[in-house]
Protein backbone atom coordinates (compact mmCIF):
# COMPACT_ATOMS: atom_id res chain seq x y z
CA MET A 1 3.73 -23.64 14.25
CA GLU A 2 6.56 -25.58 12.00
CA ILE A 3 7.02 -24.27 8.80
CA LYS A 4 7.22 -26.65 6.01
CA THR A 5 9.09 -26.16 2.59
CA GLN A 6 9.00 -27.21 -0.41
CA THR A 7 11.05 -25.76 -3.25
CA LEU A 8 11.10 -26.00 -7.06
CA PRO A 9 15.11 -27.77 -8.50
CA PRO A 10 16.66 -25.04 -9.87
CA SER A 11 16.31 -26.25 -13.36
CA GLN A 12 12.24 -25.51 -12.79
CA ARG A 13 13.01 -21.70 -11.75
CA ARG A 14 11.90 -19.03 -13.86
CA THR A 15 15.11 -16.56 -14.87
CA ARG A 16 14.80 -13.43 -12.81
CA PRO A 17 13.97 -10.21 -15.33
CA ASP A 18 16.73 -7.80 -15.48
CA ASP A 19 16.05 -4.73 -12.60
CA GLN A 20 15.84 -2.03 -15.35
CA GLN A 21 12.79 -3.59 -16.74
CA LEU A 22 10.31 -4.55 -14.60
CA GLY A 23 7.37 -2.40 -14.30
CA PHE A 24 4.85 -3.05 -11.15
CA GLY A 25 2.84 -6.26 -10.09
CA ARG A 26 3.63 -8.08 -13.46
CA ILE A 27 5.91 -10.55 -12.39
CA PHE A 28 6.21 -13.08 -9.82
CA THR A 29 8.48 -14.81 -8.25
CA ASP A 30 9.08 -18.54 -7.59
CA HIS A 31 7.14 -19.53 -4.54
CA MET A 32 4.33 -18.41 -1.99
CA LEU A 33 3.18 -18.96 1.65
CA VAL A 34 0.14 -20.81 1.71
CA MET A 35 -2.08 -21.33 5.16
CA PRO A 36 -5.62 -22.50 5.51
CA PHE A 37 -8.00 -21.76 8.08
CA ASP A 38 -10.98 -23.89 9.24
CA ALA A 39 -13.33 -23.36 12.55
CA LYS A 40 -12.37 -26.46 14.12
CA ARG A 41 -8.72 -25.73 13.31
CA GLY A 42 -7.71 -22.82 13.19
CA TRP A 43 -5.22 -21.46 10.92
CA HIS A 44 -2.96 -25.06 10.45
CA ASP A 45 0.11 -26.37 8.26
CA PRO A 46 1.77 -23.46 6.29
CA GLU A 47 3.59 -23.55 3.83
CA VAL A 48 6.15 -22.33 1.68
CA ARG A 49 5.92 -24.08 -1.82
CA PRO A 50 6.12 -23.91 -5.07
CA TYR A 51 3.59 -20.84 -7.48
CA ALA A 52 0.76 -22.42 -8.71
CA PRO A 53 -2.97 -21.29 -9.33
CA PHE A 54 -5.19 -22.34 -6.68
CA SER A 55 -7.96 -23.66 -6.88
CA LEU A 56 -11.96 -22.64 -6.42
CA ASP A 57 -15.06 -23.64 -5.48
CA PRO A 58 -17.42 -21.64 -7.95
CA ALA A 59 -19.50 -21.23 -4.35
CA ALA A 60 -16.67 -20.24 -2.76
CA MET A 61 -17.99 -17.17 -0.94
CA VAL A 62 -15.25 -15.11 -1.28
CA LEU A 63 -16.78 -14.19 -4.83
CA HIS A 64 -20.45 -13.83 -3.51
CA TYR A 65 -19.31 -11.55 -0.41
CA GLY A 66 -16.87 -10.44 -0.94
CA GLN A 67 -14.53 -11.10 1.42
CA ALA A 68 -11.03 -10.39 0.78
CA ILE A 69 -8.62 -8.51 2.77
CA PHE A 70 -4.36 -8.09 1.83
CA GLU A 71 -1.67 -6.21 2.28
CA GLY A 72 1.34 -4.42 0.33
CA LEU A 73 5.49 -4.02 1.69
CA LYS A 74 8.33 -4.74 0.74
CA ALA A 75 11.85 -5.59 0.98
CA TYR A 76 15.04 -3.92 -0.13
CA ARG A 77 18.28 -5.12 -1.03
CA GLY A 78 20.49 -3.22 1.38
CA ARG A 79 23.82 -2.12 -0.22
CA ASP A 80 25.86 -5.11 1.96
CA ASP A 81 23.64 -7.30 0.22
CA GLY A 82 21.46 -7.80 3.59
CA ILE A 83 17.45 -7.74 2.68
CA TYR A 84 15.79 -4.98 4.46
CA LEU A 85 12.42 -5.10 6.00
CA PHE A 86 10.59 -1.71 6.26
CA ARG A 87 7.84 -1.94 9.44
CA PRO A 88 6.23 -5.75 8.83
CA LEU A 89 4.21 -5.82 12.09
CA ALA A 90 2.58 -3.07 11.23
CA ASN A 91 0.83 -4.01 8.37
CA LEU A 92 0.13 -7.85 9.99
CA GLU A 93 -1.80 -5.41 12.82
CA ARG A 94 -3.59 -3.14 10.00
CA MET A 95 -3.87 -6.68 8.01
CA ASN A 96 -5.90 -8.27 11.46
CA ARG A 97 -7.86 -4.94 12.39
CA SER A 98 -9.14 -5.28 8.23
CA ALA A 99 -9.51 -8.87 9.44
CA VAL A 100 -11.49 -8.17 12.86
CA ARG A 101 -13.46 -5.18 10.04
CA MET A 102 -14.35 -7.84 7.66
CA CYS A 103 -15.18 -10.64 9.90
CA MET A 104 -12.67 -12.73 9.41
CA PRO A 105 -10.63 -14.93 11.21
CA THR A 106 -6.98 -12.62 12.49
CA LEU A 107 -3.95 -13.94 12.11
CA PRO A 108 -1.08 -15.40 14.01
CA VAL A 109 1.31 -12.99 13.49
CA ASP A 110 4.37 -14.51 14.80
CA THR A 111 4.07 -17.77 12.46
CA VAL A 112 2.94 -15.27 9.71
CA PHE A 113 6.17 -13.57 9.88
CA ALA A 114 8.54 -16.77 10.43
CA GLY A 115 6.56 -18.02 7.25
CA LEU A 116 7.79 -14.46 5.35
CA LYS A 117 11.20 -14.94 6.74
CA ALA A 118 11.15 -18.45 5.41
CA LEU A 119 9.29 -17.56 2.15
CA LEU A 120 12.40 -14.59 1.67
CA LYS A 121 15.20 -17.09 2.45
CA VAL A 122 13.85 -19.22 -0.77
CA ASP A 123 13.37 -16.74 -2.99
CA GLY A 124 15.82 -13.88 -1.83
CA ASP A 125 17.56 -13.70 -5.49
CA TRP A 126 14.61 -11.96 -6.16
CA VAL A 127 14.99 -8.41 -4.45
CA PRO A 128 16.14 -6.68 -7.11
CA SER A 129 19.58 -4.57 -6.67
CA ALA A 130 19.93 -0.92 -4.79
CA ASP A 131 21.72 0.61 -7.49
CA HIS A 132 17.92 0.92 -9.67
CA GLY A 133 15.31 2.07 -6.37
CA ALA A 134 13.19 -1.34 -7.04
CA SER A 135 12.42 -3.53 -4.23
CA LEU A 136 10.55 -6.39 -4.03
CA TYR A 137 6.85 -5.77 -3.24
CA ILE A 138 4.78 -8.33 -0.93
CA ARG A 139 1.20 -9.31 -0.89
CA PRO A 140 -0.13 -11.21 2.36
CA THR A 141 -3.84 -11.65 1.13
CA MET A 142 -6.77 -13.96 2.85
CA VAL A 143 -9.15 -14.91 1.14
CA ALA A 144 -12.98 -16.46 1.88
CA THR A 145 -12.57 -20.50 0.79
CA GLU A 146 -16.20 -22.21 2.11
CA ALA A 147 -18.53 -23.26 -0.67
CA GLY A 148 -21.66 -22.26 -0.16
CA LEU A 149 -24.26 -19.68 -0.30
CA GLY A 150 -26.31 -17.64 1.98
CA VAL A 151 -24.73 -13.75 3.53
CA ARG A 152 -23.14 -14.78 6.73
CA PRO A 153 -18.70 -14.73 7.53
CA ALA A 154 -17.51 -17.57 5.63
CA GLN A 155 -15.56 -20.69 8.74
CA GLU A 156 -12.88 -22.02 6.15
CA TYR A 157 -10.29 -19.14 4.60
CA LEU A 158 -7.30 -19.13 2.50
CA PHE A 159 -3.94 -16.76 4.11
CA TYR A 160 -0.89 -16.68 1.15
CA VAL A 161 2.12 -14.25 0.87
CA ILE A 162 3.05 -13.65 -3.11
CA LEU A 163 6.24 -11.61 -4.28
CA SER A 164 7.06 -9.47 -7.39
CA PRO A 165 9.74 -7.15 -8.23
CA VAL A 166 8.55 -3.91 -8.46
CA GLY A 167 10.37 -0.50 -10.17
CA ALA A 168 8.45 2.37 -9.88
CA TYR A 169 4.81 2.37 -9.67
CA TYR A 170 3.29 5.84 -11.46
CA PRO A 171 4.79 5.44 -14.88
CA GLU A 172 6.28 9.04 -14.22
CA GLY A 173 8.58 7.75 -11.61
CA PHE A 174 9.95 9.91 -8.60
CA ASN A 175 8.05 13.17 -10.93
CA PRO A 176 5.28 14.69 -9.89
CA VAL A 177 1.95 13.34 -11.01
CA LYS A 178 -0.94 15.22 -12.29
CA ILE A 179 -4.79 14.13 -9.75
CA TYR A 180 -8.50 14.23 -10.77
CA VAL A 181 -10.25 15.73 -8.61
CA THR A 182 -14.14 13.71 -7.51
CA ASP A 183 -17.24 15.18 -6.44
CA LYS A 184 -19.62 12.51 -9.23
CA TYR A 185 -17.54 9.38 -7.26
CA VAL A 186 -17.23 8.40 -3.34
CA ARG A 187 -14.42 5.96 -2.19
CA ALA A 188 -16.08 5.86 1.66
CA VAL A 189 -18.53 6.66 4.14
CA PRO A 190 -19.26 7.08 7.39
CA GLY A 191 -19.53 3.64 9.87
CA GLY A 192 -18.49 1.80 6.61
CA VAL A 193 -15.39 -0.27 5.22
CA GLY A 194 -12.78 2.99 4.55
CA GLU A 195 -10.48 2.80 6.70
CA ALA A 196 -10.41 -1.59 6.39
CA LYS A 197 -7.79 -2.69 2.86
CA THR A 198 -10.31 -4.68 1.84
CA ALA A 199 -11.12 -5.92 -1.44
CA GLY A 200 -14.06 -4.33 -2.37
CA ASN A 201 -12.91 -0.60 -1.55
CA TYR A 202 -10.35 -0.64 -4.30
CA ALA A 203 -13.12 -1.68 -7.05
CA ALA A 204 -15.43 0.58 -6.45
CA SER A 205 -12.96 3.43 -7.24
CA ILE A 206 -11.79 1.65 -10.76
CA MET A 207 -14.55 3.89 -12.92
CA ALA A 208 -13.08 7.36 -10.85
CA ALA A 209 -9.69 6.20 -11.57
CA VAL A 210 -10.45 4.65 -15.10
CA GLU A 211 -12.45 8.63 -15.85
CA ALA A 212 -9.39 10.11 -14.53
CA GLN A 213 -6.70 8.91 -16.38
CA GLN A 214 -8.72 8.99 -19.93
CA ALA A 215 -9.02 12.77 -19.03
CA GLY A 216 -4.51 11.70 -18.41
CA TYR A 217 -4.90 12.04 -15.16
CA THR A 218 -2.48 9.65 -13.05
CA GLN A 219 -4.80 9.32 -10.40
CA VAL A 220 -8.20 10.34 -8.05
CA LEU A 221 -7.74 12.61 -5.06
CA TRP A 222 -11.48 11.48 -3.32
CA LEU A 223 -13.89 13.44 -0.85
CA ASP A 224 -15.80 13.03 1.69
CA ALA A 225 -19.45 11.08 1.11
CA LYS A 226 -21.34 13.92 2.64
CA GLU A 227 -20.88 16.77 2.12
CA ARG A 228 -18.32 15.79 -1.27
CA ARG A 229 -16.03 18.78 -0.41
CA LEU A 230 -13.90 17.57 2.39
CA VAL A 231 -10.05 16.16 1.63
CA GLU A 232 -10.12 12.56 2.00
CA GLU A 233 -6.96 10.23 0.37
CA VAL A 234 -5.55 9.88 -2.88
CA GLY A 235 -6.66 6.62 -5.11
CA THR A 236 -3.26 4.59 -4.22
CA MET A 237 -2.05 7.40 -1.05
CA ASN A 238 -2.57 9.46 1.65
CA ILE A 239 -1.99 12.84 1.28
CA PHE A 240 0.05 15.96 2.77
CA PHE A 241 -0.23 19.77 1.96
CA VAL A 242 2.46 21.33 2.57
CA PHE A 243 1.56 25.93 3.28
CA LYS A 244 3.46 28.27 4.26
CA ASP A 245 3.17 28.22 8.26
CA ARG A 246 2.31 25.09 9.11
CA ILE A 247 1.63 21.22 7.76
CA VAL A 248 -1.88 20.32 7.18
CA THR A 249 -2.96 15.92 6.30
CA PRO A 250 -7.06 14.90 6.73
CA PRO A 251 -7.12 12.62 10.16
CA LEU A 252 -7.91 9.11 10.36
CA SER A 253 -12.02 9.13 10.55
CA GLY A 254 -12.89 5.71 10.22
CA THR A 255 -13.10 6.68 5.98
CA ILE A 256 -9.00 6.93 5.35
CA LEU A 257 -7.24 3.83 5.33
CA PRO A 258 -3.74 4.43 7.87
CA GLY A 259 -1.25 4.30 5.56
CA ILE A 260 2.16 2.81 7.17
CA THR A 261 3.97 5.55 5.46
CA ARG A 262 1.71 8.12 6.46
CA ASP A 263 2.94 7.65 9.93
CA SER A 264 6.91 7.10 9.77
CA VAL A 265 6.16 10.29 7.49
CA LEU A 266 4.86 12.25 10.78
CA ARG A 267 7.21 10.59 12.70
CA LEU A 268 9.95 12.02 11.26
CA LEU A 269 8.15 15.69 10.10
CA ALA A 270 7.51 15.97 14.13
CA ASP A 271 11.40 14.99 14.92
CA TRP A 272 12.11 17.99 12.52
CA ASP A 273 10.37 20.45 14.03
CA LEU A 274 8.01 21.40 11.03
CA PRO A 275 4.31 21.99 12.47
CA VAL A 276 1.75 19.39 11.43
CA GLU A 277 -1.77 19.29 11.87
CA GLU A 278 -3.71 16.34 11.76
CA ARG A 279 -7.51 17.93 10.87
CA SER A 280 -9.96 18.55 8.06
CA ILE A 281 -9.55 20.84 4.82
CA ALA A 282 -11.89 21.27 1.79
CA ILE A 283 -10.57 21.09 -1.60
CA ASP A 284 -11.77 24.98 -2.05
CA GLU A 285 -9.39 26.24 1.09
CA VAL A 286 -6.23 24.47 -1.17
CA PHE A 287 -7.69 25.99 -4.07
CA ALA A 288 -7.64 29.39 -2.31
CA ALA A 289 -4.36 29.00 -0.71
CA ASN A 290 -3.22 28.69 -3.81
CA GLU A 291 -4.32 31.72 -5.47
CA ARG A 292 -2.24 33.38 -2.81
CA GLY A 293 0.60 32.30 -3.26
CA GLU A 294 0.58 29.87 0.55
CA LEU A 295 0.91 26.20 -1.31
CA GLN A 296 3.86 25.20 -1.65
CA GLU A 297 3.77 21.54 -1.78
CA VAL A 298 1.11 18.56 -2.47
CA PHE A 299 2.21 15.15 -1.30
CA GLY A 300 0.89 11.47 -1.13
CA THR A 301 2.14 9.10 0.98
CA GLY A 302 2.01 5.35 0.49
CA THR A 303 4.31 1.71 0.44
CA ALA A 304 4.11 1.57 -3.75
CA ALA A 305 5.43 5.02 -4.30
CA VAL A 306 7.11 5.98 -0.58
CA ILE A 307 7.00 9.45 -1.36
CA SER A 308 5.12 10.76 -4.80
CA PRO A 309 4.67 14.49 -5.40
CA VAL A 310 1.91 16.60 -6.99
CA GLY A 311 2.17 18.70 -9.76
CA SER A 312 -0.96 19.52 -10.26
CA LEU A 313 -4.79 18.83 -9.03
CA HIS A 314 -7.81 19.56 -11.59
CA TYR A 315 -11.77 19.89 -10.59
CA ARG A 316 -14.82 21.64 -11.48
CA GLY A 317 -13.20 22.22 -14.54
CA GLN A 318 -10.12 24.77 -12.83
CA ASP A 319 -6.27 23.05 -12.86
CA CYS A 320 -3.85 24.27 -9.41
CA GLN A 321 -0.87 23.84 -10.82
CA ILE A 322 2.33 23.35 -7.89
CA ASN A 323 5.23 24.42 -7.42
CA GLN A 324 5.12 25.30 -10.72
CA GLY A 325 4.35 21.60 -11.33
CA LYS A 326 8.05 20.75 -9.61
CA ILE A 327 9.50 17.96 -7.38
CA GLY A 328 8.75 19.85 -3.24
CA GLU A 329 11.86 20.15 -1.40
CA LEU A 330 10.82 18.70 1.05
CA ALA A 331 8.94 15.44 -0.61
CA LEU A 332 12.35 15.21 -2.08
CA LYS A 333 14.15 15.45 1.54
CA LEU A 334 11.42 12.83 3.26
CA PHE A 335 11.74 10.62 -0.38
CA ASN A 336 15.57 10.54 0.57
CA GLU A 337 15.35 10.46 4.13
CA LEU A 338 13.06 7.14 3.80
CA THR A 339 14.66 5.41 1.20
CA ALA A 340 18.26 5.96 3.45
CA ILE A 341 16.67 3.80 6.33
CA GLN A 342 15.00 1.37 4.10
CA TYR A 343 17.67 0.28 2.12
CA GLY A 344 19.84 0.46 4.96
CA ARG A 345 22.23 3.53 3.68
CA LYS A 346 21.23 5.07 7.09
CA ALA A 347 20.82 4.13 10.49
CA ASP A 348 17.18 3.89 11.62
CA PRO A 349 16.87 5.20 14.63
CA TYR A 350 12.94 4.38 15.17
CA GLY A 351 13.82 0.36 14.59
CA TRP A 352 11.12 0.39 11.92
CA VAL A 353 14.35 -1.65 9.72
CA ILE A 354 14.67 -5.29 10.04
CA ARG A 355 17.70 -6.73 8.88
CA LEU A 356 17.05 -10.72 7.85
């Protein structure tokens, strides 16, 4: 499909903010990619056009039955001034898996990627400088737009991509965060939609996150729904535990989002000949190992933060300080390795990076 482009004249474009004052997810670029779907024509008329509000019918099915999925990836400014994308096709493939689970139409990946490149060509100046560790966050989204009541798959959808220049996701930046382990709430259940990146999963997590933040913690660590003792994931990250003789991360059991950064970390650890186990791990095992001095570090992985060291875990009134609350050696090594590849500072032996 041809990608149409409608751009704002220079006089109507926004002033790009200072790279050191970005925050996360509050500033958006001048344009977006939009592509509608209906049952007769399928996906059609992809267009890059000025960023603007949508008109949505009050009976749009996304507002009533929650058919909404999204992705998150980033564009980076290399020191050669090029724009680098990190594993964008993996994100689009994961979005299609989410679409299948939510009974939504799968996307034509080649067309979407061509549209994304066209959007970045128009708004490429918004990709922040590499000097401050900032990046351009890319948010592909699909929602059901058909007007109608009744629980069934919609017949009309809208796919769109918006861009947001961002700094660090957490206020702490690349510093250890405090995590609250909850057994009061659960994020996902076996047979549910935990492995899909669908809006409802995040809505369901907000109450626990708010309570954790009110208690002074950065994020929530979720346990399994059945026994409420097996570690699953943090609200915005997959999680890894580094013991003296092995590294453990929970398996992709259908309730955990299959993170692109998680997959990249597993590849790096394998190439570094570090023993990794993808297995169930109880929160009591984590605390007991820390008591014995066997837990060396804990870190989360995700697109937003890349690698996020965990300085402490709180569970049932007990605090578990990890590595004296300091950044772990492995977390730092992984962060440096991944960001060097993402920003084009280091050769990419995996074919993860696409330079535009």
